[in-house]
Amino acid sequence: MSPVADTRPLLLLVDDEPTNLQVLRHVLQDDYRLLFAKEGARALEMAEREQPALILLDVMMPGMTGYQVCEQLKANPLLQGIPVIFVTALGDVEDETHGFEVGAVDYITKPISPPIVRARVRTHLSLVRVDELTHTRLQIVQRLGMAAEYKDNETGLHVIRMSHFSRVLALAAGFSESAAEELLHAAPMHDVGKIGIPDAVLRKPGKLDDAEWQVMRQHVEIGARIIGEHSSGLLRTAQRVALSHHEKWDGSGYPNGLCGEDIPLEGRIVAIADVFDALTSVRPYKQAWPVEQAVAFLREQSGRHFDPRLVELFIGCLPEILQIKERWAEQPVA
């Protein structure tokens, strides 16, 4: 019978004094797997090879200080996400400030208090898990959005671009950072209901007839049902977006013929982001519009399709919008 793998988080403890490493070992060994290094270069080597979940790092060491080690960790894309806690005898405010400036998440002074060390380590590992869950959630949402886009002869990059456009516009419209981030996560699901539209309608090369158009319009309600009813949070925002991003400022949109500020603000934002990216991207049935032509269309539809205030805010954000377009540009097919 094979031994059970030890899945406890792996910590790297770095201090040039063996006694200090022994103290930390006694405090942490029951809950964590531990690695030890007595100088900075060795710590960097072990961090790259072992990818610890967290590093406890002394400051005053021969050769390379802890500050220098932390700076090198944060400069390495493979290591910069590992939280660093300084554990040091340097207790001045200036020392602590410098520790945070080089990228540490916490600062513990010696002699250590075992309960404080355990609590700080536990807290920062919990924050890492929250960040990982948030990142994973965004990836799942984006991929669900991509599934709908691929079914519609569009590329998965569309949902990434338009969701970032939506975040930029939300911030310009006065959203808080957290609310704009939530919209970034929700926007990729705006057309998820297309999964429920028959291919004969969704992929028809020509113009849809009236009956087919009625079927196509159902994707907003299908999307809302897929996402479901939620009292708050990301999925509530996603459902509002899915249900309202085809409403129009003048009331001529669908499914509910809402007009003006009766349309949820998230839906009004996503409508602009979605249309702008669709216009400026290549599709099997059209060439990409020049940015100037797409901007002219937004202005023409201001007060008709789109919220006039949001149109002007979006145009004011064009430098950032175009940077996003470049970052997530389609790769030409060989």
C-alpha atoms as a PDB file:
ATOM      1  CA  MET A   1       0.000   0.000   0.000  1.00  0.00           C
ATOM      2  CA  SER A   2       1.515   3.332  -1.105  1.00  0.00           C
ATOM      3  CA  PRO A   3       2.063   6.015   1.558  1.00  0.00           C
ATOM      4  CA  VAL A   4      -0.474   8.831   1.760  1.00  0.00           C
ATOM      5  CA  ALA A   5       0.882  12.050   0.252  1.00  0.00           C
ATOM      6  CA  ASP A   6       1.494  14.915   2.674  1.00  0.00           C
ATOM      7  CA  THR A   7      -0.729  17.701   1.330  1.00  0.00           C
ATOM      8  CA  ARG A   8       0.025  20.265   4.026  1.00  0.00           C
ATOM      9  CA  PRO A   9       1.162  23.654   2.658  1.00  0.00           C
ATOM     10  CA  LEU A  10       4.897  23.955   2.046  1.00  0.00           C
ATOM     11  CA  LEU A  11       6.698  26.860   3.750  1.00  0.00           C
ATOM     12  CA  LEU A  12      10.253  28.115   3.156  1.00  0.00           C
ATOM     13  CA  LEU A  13      11.984  29.483   6.281  1.00  0.00           C
ATOM     14  CA  VAL A  14      15.046  31.649   5.657  1.00  0.00           C
ATOM     15  CA  ASP A  15      17.407  32.818   8.413  1.00  0.00           C
ATOM     16  CA  ASP A  16      21.200  32.737   8.812  1.00  0.00           C
ATOM     17  CA  GLU A  17      20.876  31.776  12.503  1.00  0.00           C
ATOM     18  CA  PRO A  18      20.132  28.044  13.031  1.00  0.00           C
ATOM     19  CA  THR A  19      18.589  28.824  16.416  1.00  0.00           C
ATOM     20  CA  ASN A  20      15.968  31.053  14.797  1.00  0.00           C
ATOM     21  CA  LEU A  21      15.145  28.344  12.264  1.00  0.00           C
ATOM     22  CA  GLN A  22      14.733  25.861  15.105  1.00  0.00           C
ATOM     23  CA  VAL A  23      12.291  28.183  16.891  1.00  0.00           C
ATOM     24  CA  LEU A  24      10.189  28.569  13.727  1.00  0.00           C
ATOM     25  CA  ARG A  25      10.338  24.829  13.112  1.00  0.00           C
ATOM     26  CA  HIS A  26       8.842  24.099  16.537  1.00  0.00           C
ATOM     27  CA  VAL A  27       6.095  26.675  15.978  1.00  0.00           C
ATOM     28  CA  LEU A  28       5.068  25.497  12.498  1.00  0.00           C
ATOM     29  CA  GLN A  29       6.043  21.845  12.010  1.00  0.00           C
ATOM     30  CA  ASP A  30       2.730  20.369  13.165  1.00  0.00           C
ATOM     31  CA  ASP A  31       0.682  22.157  10.497  1.00  0.00           C
ATOM     32  CA  TYR A  32       3.062  22.632   7.568  1.00  0.00           C
ATOM     33  CA  ARG A  33       5.807  20.993   5.561  1.00  0.00           C
ATOM     34  CA  LEU A  34       8.982  23.023   6.008  1.00  0.00           C
ATOM     35  CA  LEU A  35      12.056  23.887   3.945  1.00  0.00           C
ATOM     36  CA  PHE A  36      15.066  25.736   5.365  1.00  0.00           C
ATOM     37  CA  ALA A  37      17.671  28.067   3.878  1.00  0.00           C
ATOM     38  CA  LYS A  38      20.440  30.000   5.652  1.00  0.00           C
ATOM     39  CA  GLU A  39      21.243  32.576   2.978  1.00  0.00           C
ATOM     40  CA  GLY A  40      19.506  34.521   0.212  1.00  0.00           C
ATOM     41  CA  ALA A  41      20.881  32.882  -2.930  1.00  0.00           C
ATOM     42  CA  ARG A  42      19.975  29.445  -1.620  1.00  0.00           C
ATOM     43  CA  ALA A  43      16.499  30.684  -0.704  1.00  0.00           C
ATOM     44  CA  LEU A  44      15.908  31.951  -4.257  1.00  0.00           C
ATOM     45  CA  GLU A  45      17.089  28.649  -5.710  1.00  0.00           C
ATOM     46  CA  MET A  46      14.817  26.632  -3.409  1.00  0.00           C
ATOM     47  CA  ALA A  47      11.858  28.921  -4.037  1.00  0.00           C
ATOM     48  CA  GLU A  48      12.124  28.442  -7.797  1.00  0.00           C
ATOM     49  CA  ARG A  49      12.541  24.680  -7.531  1.00  0.00           C
ATOM     50  CA  GLU A  50       9.999  23.932  -4.785  1.00  0.00           C
ATOM     51  CA  GLN A  51       7.394  26.713  -5.258  1.00  0.00           C
ATOM     52  CA  PRO A  52       6.504  27.087  -1.554  1.00  0.00           C
ATOM     53  CA  ALA A  53       3.114  28.424  -0.551  1.00  0.00           C
ATOM     54  CA  LEU A  54       4.689  31.098   1.679  1.00  0.00           C
ATOM     55  CA  ILE A  55       8.143  32.330   2.713  1.00  0.00           C
ATOM     56  CA  LEU A  56       9.203  33.552   6.160  1.00  0.00           C
ATOM     57  CA  LEU A  57      12.312  35.640   5.610  1.00  0.00           C
ATOM     58  CA  ASP A  58      14.927  37.217   7.869  1.00  0.00           C
ATOM     59  CA  VAL A  59      16.208  40.669   6.880  1.00  0.00           C
ATOM     60  CA  MET A  60      19.793  40.901   8.157  1.00  0.00           C
ATOM     61  CA  MET A  61      21.752  38.101   6.503  1.00  0.00           C
ATOM     62  CA  PRO A  62      25.303  37.989   5.110  1.00  0.00           C
ATOM     63  CA  GLY A  63      25.707  38.355   1.367  1.00  0.00           C
ATOM     64  CA  MET A  64      22.151  39.212   0.397  1.00  0.00           C
ATOM     65  CA  THR A  65      19.671  40.918   2.696  1.00  0.00           C
ATOM     66  CA  GLY A  66      16.103  39.764   3.024  1.00  0.00           C
ATOM     67  CA  TYR A  67      14.979  42.958   1.297  1.00  0.00           C
ATOM     68  CA  GLN A  68      17.111  42.043  -1.730  1.00  0.00           C
ATOM     69  CA  VAL A  69      15.777  38.485  -1.720  1.00  0.00           C
ATOM     70  CA  CYS A  70      12.208  39.772  -1.653  1.00  0.00           C
ATOM     71  CA  GLU A  71      12.882  42.191  -4.516  1.00  0.00           C
ATOM     72  CA  GLN A  72      14.248  39.339  -6.643  1.00  0.00           C
ATOM     73  CA  LEU A  73      11.279  37.138  -5.792  1.00  0.00           C
ATOM     74  CA  LYS A  74       8.842  39.857  -6.853  1.00  0.00           C
ATOM     75  CA  ALA A  75      10.774  40.465 -10.088  1.00  0.00           C
ATOM     76  CA  ASN A  76      10.395  36.814 -11.119  1.00  0.00           C
ATOM     77  CA  PRO A  77       6.984  36.087 -12.749  1.00  0.00           C
ATOM     78  CA  LEU A  78       7.160  32.487 -11.505  1.00  0.00           C
ATOM     79  CA  LEU A  79       7.711  33.539  -7.880  1.00  0.00           C
ATOM     80  CA  GLN A  80       6.085  36.941  -7.490  1.00  0.00           C
ATOM     81  CA  GLY A  81       2.793  35.471  -6.268  1.00  0.00           C
ATOM     82  CA  ILE A  82       4.386  33.763  -3.241  1.00  0.00           C
ATOM     83  CA  PRO A  83       3.595  35.798  -0.101  1.00  0.00           C
ATOM     84  CA  VAL A  84       6.626  36.866   1.939  1.00  0.00           C
ATOM     85  CA  ILE A  85       6.525  37.569   5.685  1.00  0.00           C
ATOM     86  CA  PHE A  86       9.593  39.232   7.157  1.00  0.00           C
ATOM     87  CA  VAL A  87      10.633  37.863  10.553  1.00  0.00           C
ATOM     88  CA  THR A  88      13.329  40.171  11.912  1.00  0.00           C
ATOM     89  CA  ALA A  89      14.809  41.926  14.893  1.00  0.00           C
ATOM     90  CA  LEU A  90      14.556  45.246  13.022  1.00  0.00           C
ATOM     91  CA  GLY A  91      11.552  46.902  14.620  1.00  0.00           C
ATOM     92  CA  ASP A  92      11.754  50.531  13.454  1.00  0.00           C
ATOM     93  CA  VAL A  93       8.891  51.976  11.427  1.00  0.00           C
ATOM     94  CA  GLU A  94      11.338  52.744   8.597  1.00  0.00           C
ATOM     95  CA  ASP A  95      12.431  49.098   8.446  1.00  0.00           C
ATOM     96  CA  GLU A  96       8.850  47.875   8.420  1.00  0.00           C
ATOM     97  CA  THR A  97       7.881  50.404   5.747  1.00  0.00           C
ATOM     98  CA  HIS A  98      10.773  49.288   3.553  1.00  0.00           C
ATOM     99  CA  GLY A  99       9.684  45.674   3.977  1.00  0.00           C
ATOM    100  CA  PHE A 100       6.250  46.452   2.590  1.00  0.00           C
ATOM    101  CA  GLU A 101       7.743  48.585  -0.187  1.00  0.00           C
ATOM    102  CA  VAL A 102       9.774  45.644  -1.540  1.00  0.00           C
ATOM    103  CA  GLY A 103       6.679  43.434  -1.625  1.00  0.00           C
ATOM    104  CA  ALA A 104       6.211  41.691   1.732  1.00  0.00           C
ATOM    105  CA  VAL A 105       2.675  41.014   2.942  1.00  0.00           C
ATOM    106  CA  ASP A 106       3.517  41.135   6.636  1.00  0.00           C
ATOM    107  CA  TYR A 107       6.275  41.986   9.121  1.00  0.00           C
ATOM    108  CA  ILE A 108       6.886  40.164  12.423  1.00  0.00           C
ATOM    109  CA  THR A 109       9.509  41.333  14.900  1.00  0.00           C
ATOM    110  CA  LYS A 110      11.720  39.079  17.000  1.00  0.00           C
ATOM    111  CA  PRO A 111      11.492  37.633  19.558  1.00  0.00           C
ATOM    112  CA  ILE A 112       8.482  36.031  17.961  1.00  0.00           C
ATOM    113  CA  SER A 113       5.181  35.170  19.592  1.00  0.00           C
ATOM    114  CA  PRO A 114       4.190  31.642  18.430  1.00  0.00           C
ATOM    115  CA  PRO A 115       0.429  32.402  18.327  1.00  0.00           C
ATOM    116  CA  ILE A 116       1.073  35.525  16.219  1.00  0.00           C
ATOM    117  CA  VAL A 117       3.291  33.636  13.769  1.00  0.00           C
ATOM    118  CA  ARG A 118       0.751  30.847  13.371  1.00  0.00           C
ATOM    119  CA  ALA A 119      -2.121  33.314  12.928  1.00  0.00           C
ATOM    120  CA  ARG A 120      -0.284  35.454  10.364  1.00  0.00           C
ATOM    121  CA  VAL A 121       0.779  32.426   8.326  1.00  0.00           C
ATOM    122  CA  ARG A 122      -2.740  31.000   8.407  1.00  0.00           C
ATOM    123  CA  THR A 123      -4.250  34.351   7.372  1.00  0.00           C
ATOM    124  CA  HIS A 124      -1.960  34.891   4.403  1.00  0.00           C
ATOM    125  CA  LEU A 125      -2.361  31.335   3.148  1.00  0.00           C
ATOM    126  CA  SER A 126      -6.139  31.874   3.314  1.00  0.00           C
ATOM    127  CA  LEU A 127      -5.783  35.050   1.247  1.00  0.00           C
ATOM    128  CA  VAL A 128      -3.773  33.149  -1.353  1.00  0.00           C
ATOM    129  CA  ARG A 129      -6.550  30.565  -1.595  1.00  0.00           C
ATOM    130  CA  VAL A 130      -9.138  33.332  -2.027  1.00  0.00           C
ATOM    131  CA  ASP A 131      -7.066  34.855  -4.837  1.00  0.00           C
ATOM    132  CA  GLU A 132      -6.716  31.448  -6.501  1.00  0.00           C
ATOM    133  CA  LEU A 133     -10.449  30.803  -6.249  1.00  0.00           C
ATOM    134  CA  THR A 134     -11.216  34.233  -7.705  1.00  0.00           C
ATOM    135  CA  HIS A 135      -8.836  33.629 -10.601  1.00  0.00           C
ATOM    136  CA  THR A 136     -10.266  30.159 -11.207  1.00  0.00           C
ATOM    137  CA  ARG A 137     -13.825  31.499 -11.083  1.00  0.00           C
ATOM    138  CA  LEU A 138     -12.998  34.123 -13.709  1.00  0.00           C
ATOM    139  CA  GLN A 139     -11.424  31.482 -15.947  1.00  0.00           C
ATOM    140  CA  ILE A 140     -14.489  29.228 -15.641  1.00  0.00           C
ATOM    141  CA  VAL A 141     -16.851  32.109 -16.433  1.00  0.00           C
ATOM    142  CA  GLN A 142     -14.727  33.183 -19.406  1.00  0.00           C
ATOM    143  CA  ARG A 143     -14.649  29.659 -20.780  1.00  0.00           C
ATOM    144  CA  LEU A 144     -18.394  29.269 -20.460  1.00  0.00           C
ATOM    145  CA  GLY A 145     -18.708  32.511 -22.390  1.00  0.00           C
ATOM    146  CA  MET A 146     -16.215  31.220 -24.958  1.00  0.00           C
ATOM    147  CA  ALA A 147     -18.344  28.119 -25.497  1.00  0.00           C
ATOM    148  CA  ALA A 148     -21.242  30.289 -26.602  1.00  0.00           C
ATOM    149  CA  GLU A 149     -19.014  32.447 -28.815  1.00  0.00           C
ATOM    150  CA  TYR A 150     -17.478  29.465 -30.599  1.00  0.00           C
ATOM    151  CA  LYS A 151     -20.950  28.125 -31.323  1.00  0.00           C
ATOM    152  CA  ASP A 152     -21.734  31.499 -32.893  1.00  0.00           C
ATOM    153  CA  ASN A 153     -18.718  31.554 -35.241  1.00  0.00           C
ATOM    154  CA  GLU A 154     -16.975  34.087 -33.037  1.00  0.00           C
ATOM    155  CA  THR A 155     -13.729  33.648 -31.126  1.00  0.00           C
ATOM    156  CA  GLY A 156     -13.304  33.206 -27.414  1.00  0.00           C
ATOM    157  CA  LEU A 157     -11.137  36.333 -27.325  1.00  0.00           C
ATOM    158  CA  HIS A 158     -14.254  38.427 -27.939  1.00  0.00           C
ATOM    159  CA  VAL A 159     -15.578  37.734 -24.442  1.00  0.00           C
ATOM    160  CA  ILE A 160     -12.225  38.614 -22.899  1.00  0.00           C
ATOM    161  CA  ARG A 161     -11.930  41.912 -24.769  1.00  0.00           C
ATOM    162  CA  MET A 162     -15.498  43.046 -24.202  1.00  0.00           C
ATOM    163  CA  SER A 163     -15.378  42.133 -20.514  1.00  0.00           C
ATOM    164  CA  HIS A 164     -12.276  44.277 -20.056  1.00  0.00           C
ATOM    165  CA  PHE A 165     -13.937  47.086 -22.049  1.00  0.00           C
ATOM    166  CA  SER A 166     -16.883  46.781 -19.665  1.00  0.00           C
ATOM    167  CA  ARG A 167     -14.640  47.122 -16.629  1.00  0.00           C
ATOM    168  CA  VAL A 168     -12.980  50.243 -18.014  1.00  0.00           C
ATOM    169  CA  LEU A 169     -16.326  51.841 -18.825  1.00  0.00           C
ATOM    170  CA  ALA A 170     -17.773  50.871 -15.446  1.00  0.00           C
ATOM    171  CA  LEU A 171     -14.929  52.648 -13.648  1.00  0.00           C
ATOM    172  CA  ALA A 172     -15.437  55.729 -15.825  1.00  0.00           C
ATOM    173  CA  ALA A 173     -19.153  55.617 -14.944  1.00  0.00           C
ATOM    174  CA  GLY A 174     -18.382  55.717 -11.227  1.00  0.00           C
ATOM    175  CA  PHE A 175     -18.319  52.049 -10.235  1.00  0.00           C
ATOM    176  CA  SER A 176     -16.077  51.136  -7.313  1.00  0.00           C
ATOM    177  CA  GLU A 177     -13.045  48.952  -8.059  1.00  0.00           C
ATOM    178  CA  SER A 178     -14.808  45.901  -6.616  1.00  0.00           C
ATOM    179  CA  ALA A 179     -18.043  46.518  -8.550  1.00  0.00           C
ATOM    180  CA  ALA A 180     -16.122  47.030 -11.802  1.00  0.00           C
ATOM    181  CA  GLU A 181     -14.188  43.827 -11.130  1.00  0.00           C
ATOM    182  CA  GLU A 182     -17.459  41.966 -10.593  1.00  0.00           C
ATOM    183  CA  LEU A 183     -18.725  43.221 -13.966  1.00  0.00           C
ATOM    184  CA  LEU A 184     -15.456  42.072 -15.560  1.00  0.00           C
ATOM    185  CA  HIS A 185     -16.217  38.593 -14.232  1.00  0.00           C
ATOM    186  CA  ALA A 186     -19.912  38.682 -15.184  1.00  0.00           C
ATOM    187  CA  ALA A 187     -19.702  40.142 -18.705  1.00  0.00           C
ATOM    188  CA  PRO A 188     -18.294  37.002 -20.412  1.00  0.00           C
ATOM    189  CA  MET A 189     -21.628  35.272 -19.747  1.00  0.00           C
ATOM    190  CA  HIS A 190     -23.703  37.869 -21.610  1.00  0.00           C
ATOM    191  CA  ASP A 191     -24.452  35.555 -24.562  1.00  0.00           C
ATOM    192  CA  VAL A 192     -24.282  32.192 -22.803  1.00  0.00           C
ATOM    193  CA  GLY A 193     -27.902  31.565 -23.839  1.00  0.00           C
ATOM    194  CA  LYS A 194     -26.748  31.090 -27.449  1.00  0.00           C
ATOM    195  CA  ILE A 195     -25.845  27.568 -26.376  1.00  0.00           C
ATOM    196  CA  GLY A 196     -29.597  26.881 -26.467  1.00  0.00           C
ATOM    197  CA  ILE A 197     -30.220  28.291 -29.974  1.00  0.00           C
ATOM    198  CA  PRO A 198     -30.400  25.727 -32.816  1.00  0.00           C
ATOM    199  CA  ASP A 199     -27.410  25.792 -35.156  1.00  0.00           C
ATOM    200  CA  ALA A 200     -29.714  26.198 -38.161  1.00  0.00           C
ATOM    201  CA  VAL A 201     -30.623  29.627 -36.791  1.00  0.00           C
ATOM    202  CA  LEU A 202     -27.424  30.620 -35.014  1.00  0.00           C
ATOM    203  CA  ARG A 203     -25.103  29.742 -37.893  1.00  0.00           C
ATOM    204  CA  LYS A 204     -27.353  30.662 -40.799  1.00  0.00           C
ATOM    205  CA  PRO A 205     -25.165  32.536 -43.316  1.00  0.00           C
ATOM    206  CA  GLY A 206     -27.946  34.773 -44.620  1.00  0.00           C
ATOM    207  CA  LYS A 207     -30.468  37.094 -43.032  1.00  0.00           C
ATOM    208  CA  LEU A 208     -32.858  35.593 -40.503  1.00  0.00           C
ATOM    209  CA  ASP A 209     -36.552  35.573 -41.321  1.00  0.00           C
ATOM    210  CA  ASP A 210     -39.108  36.755 -38.762  1.00  0.00           C
ATOM    211  CA  ALA A 211     -39.633  33.314 -37.228  1.00  0.00           C
ATOM    212  CA  GLU A 212     -35.906  32.667 -36.974  1.00  0.00           C
ATOM    213  CA  TRP A 213     -35.351  36.093 -35.452  1.00  0.00           C
ATOM    214  CA  GLN A 214     -37.909  35.309 -32.757  1.00  0.00           C
ATOM    215  CA  VAL A 215     -35.955  32.139 -31.958  1.00  0.00           C
ATOM    216  CA  MET A 216     -32.654  34.051 -31.866  1.00  0.00           C
ATOM    217  CA  ARG A 217     -34.047  36.633 -29.455  1.00  0.00           C
ATOM    218  CA  GLN A 218     -34.756  33.870 -26.957  1.00  0.00           C
ATOM    219  CA  HIS A 219     -31.055  33.563 -26.151  1.00  0.00           C
ATOM    220  CA  VAL A 220     -31.285  36.325 -23.535  1.00  0.00           C
ATOM    221  CA  GLU A 221     -33.946  34.500 -21.535  1.00  0.00           C
ATOM    222  CA  ILE A 222     -32.178  31.167 -22.020  1.00  0.00           C
ATOM    223  CA  GLY A 223     -28.996  32.753 -20.697  1.00  0.00           C
ATOM    224  CA  ALA A 224     -30.810  34.167 -17.681  1.00  0.00           C
ATOM    225  CA  ARG A 225     -32.241  30.720 -16.924  1.00  0.00           C
ATOM    226  CA  ILE A 226     -28.831  29.052 -17.275  1.00  0.00           C
ATOM    227  CA  ILE A 227     -27.290  31.526 -14.822  1.00  0.00           C
ATOM    228  CA  GLY A 228     -30.277  31.311 -12.483  1.00  0.00           C
ATOM    229  CA  GLU A 229     -31.794  33.523  -9.795  1.00  0.00           C
ATOM    230  CA  HIS A 230     -29.387  34.865  -7.172  1.00  0.00           C
ATOM    231  CA  SER A 231     -29.894  37.447  -4.451  1.00  0.00           C
ATOM    232  CA  SER A 232     -26.477  39.075  -4.809  1.00  0.00           C
ATOM    233  CA  GLY A 233     -22.961  38.715  -6.140  1.00  0.00           C
ATOM    234  CA  LEU A 234     -21.367  37.766  -9.419  1.00  0.00           C
ATOM    235  CA  LEU A 235     -24.111  35.509 -10.749  1.00  0.00           C
ATOM    236  CA  ARG A 236     -26.819  38.072 -10.015  1.00  0.00           C
ATOM    237  CA  THR A 237     -24.842  40.634 -12.042  1.00  0.00           C
ATOM    238  CA  ALA A 238     -24.298  38.064 -14.796  1.00  0.00           C
ATOM    239  CA  GLN A 239     -28.002  37.345 -15.023  1.00  0.00           C
ATOM    240  CA  ARG A 240     -28.874  41.067 -15.196  1.00  0.00           C
ATOM    241  CA  VAL A 241     -26.348  41.493 -18.002  1.00  0.00           C
ATOM    242  CA  ALA A 242     -27.566  38.456 -19.936  1.00  0.00           C
ATOM    243  CA  LEU A 243     -31.168  39.630 -19.729  1.00  0.00           C
ATOM    244  CA  SER A 244     -30.639  43.327 -20.488  1.00  0.00           C
ATOM    245  CA  HIS A 245     -27.703  43.799 -22.875  1.00  0.00           C
ATOM    246  CA  HIS A 246     -30.017  43.830 -25.935  1.00  0.00           C
ATOM    247  CA  GLU A 247     -32.345  46.461 -24.486  1.00  0.00           C
ATOM    248  CA  LYS A 248     -32.032  49.859 -26.194  1.00  0.00           C
ATOM    249  CA  TRP A 249     -32.068  53.355 -24.747  1.00  0.00           C
ATOM    250  CA  ASP A 250     -35.110  54.316 -26.878  1.00  0.00           C
ATOM    251  CA  GLY A 251     -37.135  51.255 -25.821  1.00  0.00           C
ATOM    252  CA  SER A 252     -36.853  49.370 -29.109  1.00  0.00           C
ATOM    253  CA  GLY A 253     -34.729  46.537 -27.749  1.00  0.00           C
ATOM    254  CA  TYR A 254     -35.606  43.146 -26.286  1.00  0.00           C
ATOM    255  CA  PRO A 255     -36.764  41.110 -24.411  1.00  0.00           C
ATOM    256  CA  ASN A 256     -38.726  43.611 -22.281  1.00  0.00           C
ATOM    257  CA  GLY A 257     -38.640  46.840 -24.298  1.00  0.00           C
ATOM    258  CA  LEU A 258     -37.039  48.744 -21.416  1.00  0.00           C
ATOM    259  CA  CYS A 259     -35.879  52.268 -22.099  1.00  0.00           C
ATOM    260  CA  GLY A 260     -33.504  54.817 -20.604  1.00  0.00           C
ATOM    261  CA  GLU A 261     -32.439  54.308 -17.019  1.00  0.00           C
ATOM    262  CA  ASP A 262     -34.952  51.475 -16.567  1.00  0.00           C
ATOM    263  CA  ILE A 263     -32.309  49.348 -18.276  1.00  0.00           C
ATOM    264  CA  PRO A 264     -29.836  48.067 -15.659  1.00  0.00           C
ATOM    265  CA  LEU A 265     -26.624  50.062 -15.829  1.00  0.00           C
ATOM    266  CA  GLU A 266     -24.571  46.880 -16.203  1.00  0.00           C
ATOM    267  CA  GLY A 267     -26.575  45.963 -19.309  1.00  0.00           C
ATOM    268  CA  ARG A 268     -26.101  49.431 -20.814  1.00  0.00           C
ATOM    269  CA  ILE A 269     -22.350  49.211 -20.264  1.00  0.00           C
ATOM    270  CA  VAL A 270     -22.020  45.719 -21.746  1.00  0.00           C
ATOM    271  CA  ALA A 271     -24.141  46.715 -24.770  1.00  0.00           C
ATOM    272  CA  ILE A 272     -21.554  49.326 -25.777  1.00  0.00           C
ATOM    273  CA  ALA A 273     -18.567  47.089 -25.046  1.00  0.00           C
ATOM    274  CA  ASP A 274     -20.099  44.161 -26.944  1.00  0.00           C
ATOM    275  CA  VAL A 275     -21.081  46.140 -30.043  1.00  0.00           C
ATOM    276  CA  PHE A 276     -17.794  48.045 -30.260  1.00  0.00           C
ATOM    277  CA  ASP A 277     -15.752  44.851 -30.170  1.00  0.00           C
ATOM    278  CA  ALA A 278     -18.054  43.104 -32.659  1.00  0.00           C
ATOM    279  CA  LEU A 279     -17.776  46.030 -35.080  1.00  0.00           C
ATOM    280  CA  THR A 280     -13.979  46.274 -34.853  1.00  0.00           C
ATOM    281  CA  SER A 281     -13.356  42.519 -35.157  1.00  0.00           C
ATOM    282  CA  VAL A 282     -13.251  40.251 -38.210  1.00  0.00           C
ATOM    283  CA  ARG A 283     -16.175  37.852 -38.552  1.00  0.00           C
ATOM    284  CA  PRO A 284     -16.820  35.222 -41.227  1.00  0.00           C
ATOM    285  CA  TYR A 285     -19.498  37.506 -42.685  1.00  0.00           C
ATOM    286  CA  LYS A 286     -17.650  40.853 -42.479  1.00  0.00           C
ATOM    287  CA  GLN A 287     -14.356  42.690 -42.242  1.00  0.00           C
ATOM    288  CA  ALA A 288     -13.342  44.592 -39.132  1.00  0.00           C
ATOM    289  CA  TRP A 289     -14.510  48.194 -39.103  1.00  0.00           C
ATOM    290  CA  PRO A 290     -11.887  50.889 -38.574  1.00  0.00           C
ATOM    291  CA  VAL A 291     -12.018  52.297 -35.044  1.00  0.00           C
ATOM    292  CA  GLU A 292     -13.090  55.705 -36.381  1.00  0.00           C
ATOM    293  CA  GLN A 293     -16.092  54.174 -38.161  1.00  0.00           C
ATOM    294  CA  ALA A 294     -17.095  52.223 -35.027  1.00  0.00           C
ATOM    295  CA  VAL A 295     -16.851  55.387 -32.915  1.00  0.00           C
ATOM    296  CA  ALA A 296     -18.990  57.231 -35.456  1.00  0.00           C
ATOM    297  CA  PHE A 297     -21.587  54.443 -35.164  1.00  0.00           C
ATOM    298  CA  LEU A 298     -21.641  54.726 -31.372  1.00  0.00           C
ATOM    299  CA  ARG A 299     -22.231  58.471 -31.677  1.00  0.00           C
ATOM    300  CA  GLU A 300     -24.946  57.945 -34.312  1.00  0.00           C
ATOM    301  CA  GLN A 301     -26.723  55.468 -32.012  1.00  0.00           C
ATOM    302  CA  SER A 302     -26.275  57.611 -28.898  1.00  0.00           C
ATOM    303  CA  GLY A 303     -29.742  58.224 -27.469  1.00  0.00           C
ATOM    304  CA  ARG A 304     -31.206  55.513 -29.695  1.00  0.00           C
ATOM    305  CA  HIS A 305     -29.430  52.228 -28.997  1.00  0.00           C
ATOM    306  CA  PHE A 306     -26.983  53.432 -26.348  1.00  0.00           C
ATOM    307  CA  ASP A 307     -26.959  55.544 -23.189  1.00  0.00           C
ATOM    308  CA  PRO A 308     -25.597  58.937 -24.373  1.00  0.00           C
ATOM    309  CA  ARG A 309     -23.535  59.543 -21.232  1.00  0.00           C
ATOM    310  CA  LEU A 310     -21.903  56.112 -21.475  1.00  0.00           C
ATOM    311  CA  VAL A 311     -21.073  56.629 -25.159  1.00  0.00           C
ATOM    312  CA  GLU A 312     -19.091  59.767 -24.340  1.00  0.00           C
ATOM    313  CA  LEU A 313     -17.380  58.093 -21.394  1.00  0.00           C
ATOM    314  CA  PHE A 314     -16.438  55.122 -23.583  1.00  0.00           C
ATOM    315  CA  ILE A 315     -14.986  57.379 -26.266  1.00  0.00           C
ATOM    316  CA  GLY A 316     -13.034  59.197 -23.570  1.00  0.00           C
ATOM    317  CA  CYS A 317     -11.506  55.851 -22.571  1.00  0.00           C
ATOM    318  CA  LEU A 318     -10.427  54.907 -26.112  1.00  0.00           C
ATOM    319  CA  PRO A 319      -6.649  54.874 -25.421  1.00  0.00           C
ATOM    320  CA  GLU A 320      -7.156  52.225 -22.741  1.00  0.00           C
ATOM    321  CA  ILE A 321      -9.743  50.388 -24.867  1.00  0.00           C
ATOM    322  CA  LEU A 322      -7.311  50.166 -27.780  1.00  0.00           C
ATOM    323  CA  GLN A 323      -4.571  48.853 -25.497  1.00  0.00           C
ATOM    324  CA  ILE A 324      -6.919  46.037 -24.499  1.00  0.00           C
ATOM    325  CA  LYS A 325      -7.704  45.337 -28.169  1.00  0.00           C
ATOM    326  CA  GLU A 326      -3.997  45.076 -28.906  1.00  0.00           C
ATOM    327  CA  ARG A 327      -3.281  42.854 -25.928  1.00  0.00           C
ATOM    328  CA  TRP A 328      -6.066  40.419 -26.823  1.00  0.00           C
ATOM    329  CA  ALA A 329      -5.781  40.736 -30.605  1.00  0.00           C
ATOM    330  CA  GLU A 330      -6.858  37.879 -32.843  1.00  0.00           C
ATOM    331  CA  GLN A 331      -3.978  35.872 -34.273  1.00  0.00           C
ATOM    332  CA  PRO A 332      -4.107  35.559 -38.069  1.00  0.00           C
ATOM    333  CA  VAL A 333      -4.881  32.067 -39.325  1.00  0.00           C
ATOM    334  CA  ALA A 334      -1.874  30.576 -41.142  1.00  0.00           C
END
